[in-house]
């Protein structure tokens, strides 16, 4: 069974600014995926030429939420993030024709 490498794109103000100015696009990826697999997955899925891939493991964080019954303590799980740089003049359109 082939693993799913690209889980979802990260769409924030910072990632949007990086994509417009520098051609960097951020993705949540499988923790077992390496840079070569990420590069091939982005190239095949979005039909762009990938120059480089930087990866990082984002640590999980403890979160508290106040409710009527008291404080609920929980944890957000950790994930692997990849920042992909595409070639000059190429771009990835996450939204399609919206």
C-alpha atoms as a PDB file:
ATOM      1  CA  UNK A   1       0.000   0.000   0.000  1.00  0.00           C
ATOM      2  CA  UNK A   2       1.459   3.326  -1.082  1.00  0.00           C
ATOM      3  CA  UNK A   3       1.565   6.001   1.566  1.00  0.00           C
ATOM      4  CA  UNK A   4      -0.058   9.350   1.014  1.00  0.00           C
ATOM      5  CA  UNK A   5       2.773  11.878   1.030  1.00  0.00           C
ATOM      6  CA  UNK A   6       1.030  15.255   0.714  1.00  0.00           C
ATOM      7  CA  UNK A   7      -1.687  15.569   3.351  1.00  0.00           C
ATOM      8  CA  UNK A   8      -2.793  19.195   2.893  1.00  0.00           C
ATOM      9  CA  UNK A   9      -1.414  22.622   1.991  1.00  0.00           C
ATOM     10  CA  UNK A  10      -0.857  25.172   4.758  1.00  0.00           C
ATOM     11  CA  UNK A  11      -2.761  28.349   3.900  1.00  0.00           C
ATOM     12  CA  UNK A  12      -1.927  31.180   6.294  1.00  0.00           C
ATOM     13  CA  UNK A  13      -1.038  34.836   5.874  1.00  0.00           C
ATOM     14  CA  UNK A  14       2.655  34.050   6.232  1.00  0.00           C
ATOM     15  CA  UNK A  15       2.619  31.191   3.715  1.00  0.00           C
ATOM     16  CA  UNK A  16       0.631  33.335   1.266  1.00  0.00           C
ATOM     17  CA  UNK A  17       3.197  36.123   1.571  1.00  0.00           C
ATOM     18  CA  UNK A  18       6.073  33.649   1.016  1.00  0.00           C
ATOM     19  CA  UNK A  19       4.406  32.150  -2.050  1.00  0.00           C
ATOM     20  CA  UNK A  20       3.873  35.565  -3.660  1.00  0.00           C
ATOM     21  CA  UNK A  21       7.343  36.967  -2.976  1.00  0.00           C
ATOM     22  CA  UNK A  22       9.671  33.955  -3.066  1.00  0.00           C
ATOM     23  CA  UNK A  23       7.807  30.999  -4.583  1.00  0.00           C
ATOM     24  CA  UNK A  24       7.753  28.980  -1.320  1.00  0.00           C
ATOM     25  CA  UNK A  25       4.716  26.759  -0.704  1.00  0.00           C
ATOM     26  CA  UNK A  26       4.016  24.988   2.609  1.00  0.00           C
ATOM     27  CA  UNK A  27       2.487  21.534   3.038  1.00  0.00           C
ATOM     28  CA  UNK A  28       1.676  19.145   5.865  1.00  0.00           C
ATOM     29  CA  UNK A  29       3.295  15.875   4.829  1.00  0.00           C
ATOM     30  CA  UNK A  30       3.542  12.301   6.087  1.00  0.00           C
ATOM     31  CA  UNK A  31       6.085  11.961   8.906  1.00  0.00           C
ATOM     32  CA  UNK A  32       7.792   9.068   7.117  1.00  0.00           C
ATOM     33  CA  UNK A  33       8.242  10.936   3.805  1.00  0.00           C
ATOM     34  CA  UNK A  34      11.698  12.128   2.789  1.00  0.00           C
ATOM     35  CA  UNK A  35      12.631  15.151   0.660  1.00  0.00           C
ATOM     36  CA  UNK A  36      12.912  13.198  -2.589  1.00  0.00           C
ATOM     37  CA  UNK A  37       9.434  11.674  -2.189  1.00  0.00           C
ATOM     38  CA  UNK A  38       7.960  15.098  -1.354  1.00  0.00           C
ATOM     39  CA  UNK A  39       9.630  16.655  -4.408  1.00  0.00           C
ATOM     40  CA  UNK A  40       8.267  13.935  -6.722  1.00  0.00           C
ATOM     41  CA  UNK A  41       4.768  14.150  -5.214  1.00  0.00           C
ATOM     42  CA  UNK A  42       4.547  17.935  -5.675  1.00  0.00           C
ATOM     43  CA  UNK A  43       5.955  17.687  -9.208  1.00  0.00           C
ATOM     44  CA  UNK A  44       3.432  15.006 -10.209  1.00  0.00           C
ATOM     45  CA  UNK A  45       0.387  16.498  -8.465  1.00  0.00           C
ATOM     46  CA  UNK A  46       0.811  20.189  -9.379  1.00  0.00           C
ATOM     47  CA  UNK A  47       2.902  19.885 -12.609  1.00  0.00           C
ATOM     48  CA  UNK A  48       5.598  22.330 -11.482  1.00  0.00           C
ATOM     49  CA  UNK A  49       9.390  22.142 -11.365  1.00  0.00           C
ATOM     50  CA  UNK A  50      10.605  21.921  -7.756  1.00  0.00           C
ATOM     51  CA  UNK A  51      13.953  23.558  -6.937  1.00  0.00           C
ATOM     52  CA  UNK A  52      14.292  22.621  -3.263  1.00  0.00           C
ATOM     53  CA  UNK A  53      12.475  21.096  -0.298  1.00  0.00           C
ATOM     54  CA  UNK A  54      12.998  22.014   3.366  1.00  0.00           C
ATOM     55  CA  UNK A  55      11.351  19.898   6.059  1.00  0.00           C
ATOM     56  CA  UNK A  56      10.752  20.350   9.768  1.00  0.00           C
ATOM     57  CA  UNK A  57       8.929  18.502  12.532  1.00  0.00           C
ATOM     58  CA  UNK A  58       6.479  20.821  14.276  1.00  0.00           C
ATOM     59  CA  UNK A  59       6.099  19.755  17.933  1.00  0.00           C
ATOM     60  CA  UNK A  60       2.758  19.053  19.564  1.00  0.00           C
ATOM     61  CA  UNK A  61       1.387  21.635  21.973  1.00  0.00           C
ATOM     62  CA  UNK A  62      -0.706  21.419  25.113  1.00  0.00           C
ATOM     63  CA  UNK A  63      -4.013  23.278  24.881  1.00  0.00           C
ATOM     64  CA  UNK A  64      -6.545  24.220  27.569  1.00  0.00           C
ATOM     65  CA  UNK A  65     -10.186  25.082  27.024  1.00  0.00           C
ATOM     66  CA  UNK A  66     -12.563  26.573  29.577  1.00  0.00           C
ATOM     67  CA  UNK A  67     -16.072  25.137  29.675  1.00  0.00           C
ATOM     68  CA  UNK A  68     -18.979  25.202  32.126  1.00  0.00           C
ATOM     69  CA  UNK A  69     -17.754  21.988  33.691  1.00  0.00           C
ATOM     70  CA  UNK A  70     -14.211  23.241  34.137  1.00  0.00           C
ATOM     71  CA  UNK A  71     -10.961  23.251  32.240  1.00  0.00           C
ATOM     72  CA  UNK A  72     -10.469  20.589  29.570  1.00  0.00           C
ATOM     73  CA  UNK A  73      -6.821  19.797  28.955  1.00  0.00           C
ATOM     74  CA  UNK A  74      -5.785  18.354  25.629  1.00  0.00           C
ATOM     75  CA  UNK A  75      -2.931  18.106  23.200  1.00  0.00           C
ATOM     76  CA  UNK A  76      -2.490  19.002  19.538  1.00  0.00           C
ATOM     77  CA  UNK A  77      -0.468  16.301  17.796  1.00  0.00           C
ATOM     78  CA  UNK A  78       2.856  16.991  16.104  1.00  0.00           C
ATOM     79  CA  UNK A  79       3.242  16.995  12.324  1.00  0.00           C
ATOM     80  CA  UNK A  80       5.870  17.293   9.621  1.00  0.00           C
ATOM     81  CA  UNK A  81       5.910  20.443   7.520  1.00  0.00           C
ATOM     82  CA  UNK A  82       7.592  20.840   4.128  1.00  0.00           C
ATOM     83  CA  UNK A  83       8.402  24.141   2.457  1.00  0.00           C
ATOM     84  CA  UNK A  84       8.747  23.617  -1.289  1.00  0.00           C
ATOM     85  CA  UNK A  85      10.469  26.152  -3.553  1.00  0.00           C
ATOM     86  CA  UNK A  86       9.295  26.107  -7.171  1.00  0.00           C
ATOM     87  CA  UNK A  87      11.213  27.385 -10.204  1.00  0.00           C
ATOM     88  CA  UNK A  88      11.093  31.020 -11.323  1.00  0.00           C
ATOM     89  CA  UNK A  89       7.888  31.927 -13.139  1.00  0.00           C
ATOM     90  CA  UNK A  90       5.917  28.884 -11.911  1.00  0.00           C
ATOM     91  CA  UNK A  91       3.183  28.916  -9.287  1.00  0.00           C
ATOM     92  CA  UNK A  92       0.735  26.585  -7.581  1.00  0.00           C
ATOM     93  CA  UNK A  93      -2.950  27.511  -7.539  1.00  0.00           C
ATOM     94  CA  UNK A  94      -4.578  25.912  -4.479  1.00  0.00           C
ATOM     95  CA  UNK A  95      -8.018  27.438  -5.036  1.00  0.00           C
ATOM     96  CA  UNK A  96      -8.685  26.562  -8.688  1.00  0.00           C
ATOM     97  CA  UNK A  97     -11.364  28.753 -10.291  1.00  0.00           C
ATOM     98  CA  UNK A  98     -12.911  30.089  -7.082  1.00  0.00           C
END
